[in-house]
């Protein structure tokens, strides 16, 4: 599931036009990308179901330069359309059969990254990590 989601995000022309352009648009652990805006994908634990079906939480953090939240809101709005549109999909080793949006956070600031931020959450059903 990780690969399906990651590839869909970096290949999306709407997100590209909003500044999410490649793998450099993602924070890894505590590393802060120089590029703004950037995303952090926070994967919850795998809740294994019957056979190979997995239920997994995903929270996407959207960070940007301190100013206003308009671009963050546009990115979150697009993610709420893009991720559910991936159902059904496969990359040959895993598949995605369900995506449910679970909500967005309030406006936040991140002192560690020196950004403003919001997040949006999803529950994914499929196979693989």
C-alpha atoms as a PDB file:
ATOM      1  CA  UNK A   1       0.000   0.000   0.000  1.00  0.00           C
ATOM      2  CA  UNK A   2       2.854   2.384   0.759  1.00  0.00           C
ATOM      3  CA  UNK A   3       4.124   2.303  -2.823  1.00  0.00           C
ATOM      4  CA  UNK A   4       0.643   2.747  -4.307  1.00  0.00           C
ATOM      5  CA  UNK A   5      -0.056   5.811  -2.184  1.00  0.00           C
ATOM      6  CA  UNK A   6       3.397   7.358  -2.610  1.00  0.00           C
ATOM      7  CA  UNK A   7       3.411   6.918  -6.397  1.00  0.00           C
ATOM      8  CA  UNK A   8      -0.122   8.320  -6.737  1.00  0.00           C
ATOM      9  CA  UNK A   9       0.784  11.431  -4.752  1.00  0.00           C
ATOM     10  CA  UNK A  10       3.973  12.275  -6.651  1.00  0.00           C
ATOM     11  CA  UNK A  11       2.351  11.560 -10.038  1.00  0.00           C
ATOM     12  CA  UNK A  12      -0.731  13.737  -9.427  1.00  0.00           C
ATOM     13  CA  UNK A  13      -0.674  16.850 -11.628  1.00  0.00           C
ATOM     14  CA  UNK A  14      -2.867  18.852  -9.233  1.00  0.00           C
ATOM     15  CA  UNK A  15      -0.562  18.168  -6.285  1.00  0.00           C
ATOM     16  CA  UNK A  16       2.433  18.874  -8.556  1.00  0.00           C
ATOM     17  CA  UNK A  17       0.980  22.303  -9.346  1.00  0.00           C
ATOM     18  CA  UNK A  18       0.658  22.927  -5.588  1.00  0.00           C
ATOM     19  CA  UNK A  19       4.350  22.166  -4.992  1.00  0.00           C
ATOM     20  CA  UNK A  20       4.359  18.427  -4.233  1.00  0.00           C
ATOM     21  CA  UNK A  21       6.639  17.419  -7.089  1.00  0.00           C
ATOM     22  CA  UNK A  22       8.797  14.399  -6.205  1.00  0.00           C
ATOM     23  CA  UNK A  23      10.284  12.316  -3.404  1.00  0.00           C
ATOM     24  CA  UNK A  24      12.049  15.451  -2.106  1.00  0.00           C
ATOM     25  CA  UNK A  25       8.589  16.686  -1.106  1.00  0.00           C
ATOM     26  CA  UNK A  26       8.501  14.164   1.768  1.00  0.00           C
ATOM     27  CA  UNK A  27      10.030  14.334   5.224  1.00  0.00           C
ATOM     28  CA  UNK A  28      11.680  11.155   6.461  1.00  0.00           C
ATOM     29  CA  UNK A  29      11.603  10.670  10.227  1.00  0.00           C
ATOM     30  CA  UNK A  30      13.137  13.854  11.652  1.00  0.00           C
ATOM     31  CA  UNK A  31      14.686  15.148   8.419  1.00  0.00           C
ATOM     32  CA  UNK A  32      13.216  18.441   7.265  1.00  0.00           C
ATOM     33  CA  UNK A  33      13.174  18.933   3.502  1.00  0.00           C
ATOM     34  CA  UNK A  34      14.255  22.323   2.228  1.00  0.00           C
ATOM     35  CA  UNK A  35      11.359  22.259  -0.239  1.00  0.00           C
ATOM     36  CA  UNK A  36       8.068  23.869   0.823  1.00  0.00           C
ATOM     37  CA  UNK A  37       5.427  22.592   0.998  1.00  0.00           C
ATOM     38  CA  UNK A  38       6.287  19.052   2.078  1.00  0.00           C
ATOM     39  CA  UNK A  39       4.388  16.029   3.358  1.00  0.00           C
ATOM     40  CA  UNK A  40       4.928  13.469   6.086  1.00  0.00           C
ATOM     41  CA  UNK A  41       3.144  10.128   5.735  1.00  0.00           C
ATOM     42  CA  UNK A  42       2.511   8.608   9.162  1.00  0.00           C
ATOM     43  CA  UNK A  43       1.485   4.974   8.813  1.00  0.00           C
ATOM     44  CA  UNK A  44      -0.380   3.366  11.703  1.00  0.00           C
ATOM     45  CA  UNK A  45      -0.002  -0.263  12.631  1.00  0.00           C
ATOM     46  CA  UNK A  46      -1.263  -3.066  10.411  1.00  0.00           C
ATOM     47  CA  UNK A  47      -4.536  -4.499  11.683  1.00  0.00           C
ATOM     48  CA  UNK A  48      -4.539  -7.832   9.924  1.00  0.00           C
ATOM     49  CA  UNK A  49      -7.868  -9.277   8.916  1.00  0.00           C
ATOM     50  CA  UNK A  50      -8.905 -12.444   7.153  1.00  0.00           C
ATOM     51  CA  UNK A  51      -6.444 -13.951   4.664  1.00  0.00           C
ATOM     52  CA  UNK A  52      -4.139 -11.182   3.338  1.00  0.00           C
ATOM     53  CA  UNK A  53      -6.462  -8.245   3.981  1.00  0.00           C
ATOM     54  CA  UNK A  54      -5.004  -5.445   6.083  1.00  0.00           C
ATOM     55  CA  UNK A  55      -6.640  -2.372   7.627  1.00  0.00           C
ATOM     56  CA  UNK A  56      -4.212   0.485   8.161  1.00  0.00           C
ATOM     57  CA  UNK A  57      -4.462   4.086   9.322  1.00  0.00           C
ATOM     58  CA  UNK A  58      -2.624   6.780   7.384  1.00  0.00           C
ATOM     59  CA  UNK A  59      -2.201  10.371   8.537  1.00  0.00           C
ATOM     60  CA  UNK A  60      -0.783  12.797   5.975  1.00  0.00           C
ATOM     61  CA  UNK A  61       0.854  15.872   7.497  1.00  0.00           C
ATOM     62  CA  UNK A  62       1.091  18.897   5.192  1.00  0.00           C
ATOM     63  CA  UNK A  63       3.744  21.494   6.107  1.00  0.00           C
ATOM     64  CA  UNK A  64       4.359  24.889   4.508  1.00  0.00           C
ATOM     65  CA  UNK A  65       6.081  28.222   5.081  1.00  0.00           C
ATOM     66  CA  UNK A  66       4.491  30.296   7.827  1.00  0.00           C
ATOM     67  CA  UNK A  67       2.034  32.669   6.151  1.00  0.00           C
ATOM     68  CA  UNK A  68      -1.450  31.332   5.548  1.00  0.00           C
ATOM     69  CA  UNK A  69      -3.063  27.941   5.266  1.00  0.00           C
ATOM     70  CA  UNK A  70      -4.536  28.345   1.748  1.00  0.00           C
ATOM     71  CA  UNK A  71      -2.043  26.051  -0.020  1.00  0.00           C
ATOM     72  CA  UNK A  72      -2.194  23.494   2.811  1.00  0.00           C
ATOM     73  CA  UNK A  73      -5.991  23.495   2.562  1.00  0.00           C
ATOM     74  CA  UNK A  74      -5.786  22.976  -1.225  1.00  0.00           C
ATOM     75  CA  UNK A  75      -3.384  20.048  -0.826  1.00  0.00           C
ATOM     76  CA  UNK A  76      -5.586  18.420   1.818  1.00  0.00           C
ATOM     77  CA  UNK A  77      -8.664  18.942  -0.340  1.00  0.00           C
ATOM     78  CA  UNK A  78      -6.935  17.219  -3.254  1.00  0.00           C
ATOM     79  CA  UNK A  79      -5.772  14.292  -1.082  1.00  0.00           C
ATOM     80  CA  UNK A  80      -9.402  13.740   0.027  1.00  0.00           C
ATOM     81  CA  UNK A  81     -10.319  13.292  -3.664  1.00  0.00           C
ATOM     82  CA  UNK A  82      -7.180  11.500  -4.890  1.00  0.00           C
ATOM     83  CA  UNK A  83      -6.790   8.709  -2.337  1.00  0.00           C
ATOM     84  CA  UNK A  84     -10.370   7.343  -2.554  1.00  0.00           C
ATOM     85  CA  UNK A  85     -10.110   7.496  -6.372  1.00  0.00           C
ATOM     86  CA  UNK A  86      -7.338   4.876  -6.237  1.00  0.00           C
ATOM     87  CA  UNK A  87      -9.812   2.124  -5.363  1.00  0.00           C
ATOM     88  CA  UNK A  88      -9.388  -0.458  -6.762  1.00  0.00           C
ATOM     89  CA  UNK A  89      -5.699  -0.466  -7.695  1.00  0.00           C
ATOM     90  CA  UNK A  90      -2.650  -2.710  -7.587  1.00  0.00           C
ATOM     91  CA  UNK A  91       1.074  -2.442  -8.166  1.00  0.00           C
ATOM     92  CA  UNK A  92       1.550  -6.170  -8.739  1.00  0.00           C
ATOM     93  CA  UNK A  93       2.648  -6.982  -5.200  1.00  0.00           C
ATOM     94  CA  UNK A  94      -0.080  -5.242  -3.195  1.00  0.00           C
ATOM     95  CA  UNK A  95      -3.570  -3.913  -3.776  1.00  0.00           C
ATOM     96  CA  UNK A  96      -5.916  -1.298  -2.390  1.00  0.00           C
ATOM     97  CA  UNK A  97      -9.627  -2.049  -2.056  1.00  0.00           C
ATOM     98  CA  UNK A  98     -10.899   0.701   0.244  1.00  0.00           C
ATOM     99  CA  UNK A  99     -10.071   4.218   1.408  1.00  0.00           C
ATOM    100  CA  UNK A 100     -12.117   6.125   3.968  1.00  0.00           C
ATOM    101  CA  UNK A 101     -11.388   9.709   4.998  1.00  0.00           C
ATOM    102  CA  UNK A 102     -11.469  10.105   8.802  1.00  0.00           C
ATOM    103  CA  UNK A 103     -11.021  13.870   9.226  1.00  0.00           C
ATOM    104  CA  UNK A 104      -8.673  16.845   9.247  1.00  0.00           C
ATOM    105  CA  UNK A 105      -6.818  18.562  12.061  1.00  0.00           C
ATOM    106  CA  UNK A 106      -7.015  22.156  13.170  1.00  0.00           C
ATOM    107  CA  UNK A 107      -4.398  24.710  12.093  1.00  0.00           C
ATOM    108  CA  UNK A 108      -1.076  23.862  13.740  1.00  0.00           C
ATOM    109  CA  UNK A 109       2.501  25.105  13.935  1.00  0.00           C
ATOM    110  CA  UNK A 110       5.550  22.847  14.041  1.00  0.00           C
ATOM    111  CA  UNK A 111       8.459  24.449  15.899  1.00  0.00           C
ATOM    112  CA  UNK A 112      10.824  21.600  14.970  1.00  0.00           C
ATOM    113  CA  UNK A 113      10.304  22.041  11.230  1.00  0.00           C
ATOM    114  CA  UNK A 114       9.590  25.795  11.582  1.00  0.00           C
ATOM    115  CA  UNK A 115       6.401  25.440   9.529  1.00  0.00           C
ATOM    116  CA  UNK A 116       2.668  25.749   9.745  1.00  0.00           C
ATOM    117  CA  UNK A 117       0.846  22.446   9.305  1.00  0.00           C
ATOM    118  CA  UNK A 118      -2.417  20.515   9.200  1.00  0.00           C
ATOM    119  CA  UNK A 119      -3.073  16.824   8.756  1.00  0.00           C
ATOM    120  CA  UNK A 120      -5.704  14.640   7.183  1.00  0.00           C
ATOM    121  CA  UNK A 121      -6.455  11.019   8.068  1.00  0.00           C
ATOM    122  CA  UNK A 122      -7.557   7.926   6.187  1.00  0.00           C
ATOM    123  CA  UNK A 123      -8.271   4.252   6.830  1.00  0.00           C
ATOM    124  CA  UNK A 124      -6.952   2.008   4.044  1.00  0.00           C
ATOM    125  CA  UNK A 125      -7.997  -1.565   3.308  1.00  0.00           C
ATOM    126  CA  UNK A 126      -5.854  -3.740   1.079  1.00  0.00           C
ATOM    127  CA  UNK A 127      -2.823  -5.998   1.104  1.00  0.00           C
ATOM    128  CA  UNK A 128       0.850  -5.476   1.757  1.00  0.00           C
ATOM    129  CA  UNK A 129       2.575  -2.858   3.805  1.00  0.00           C
END
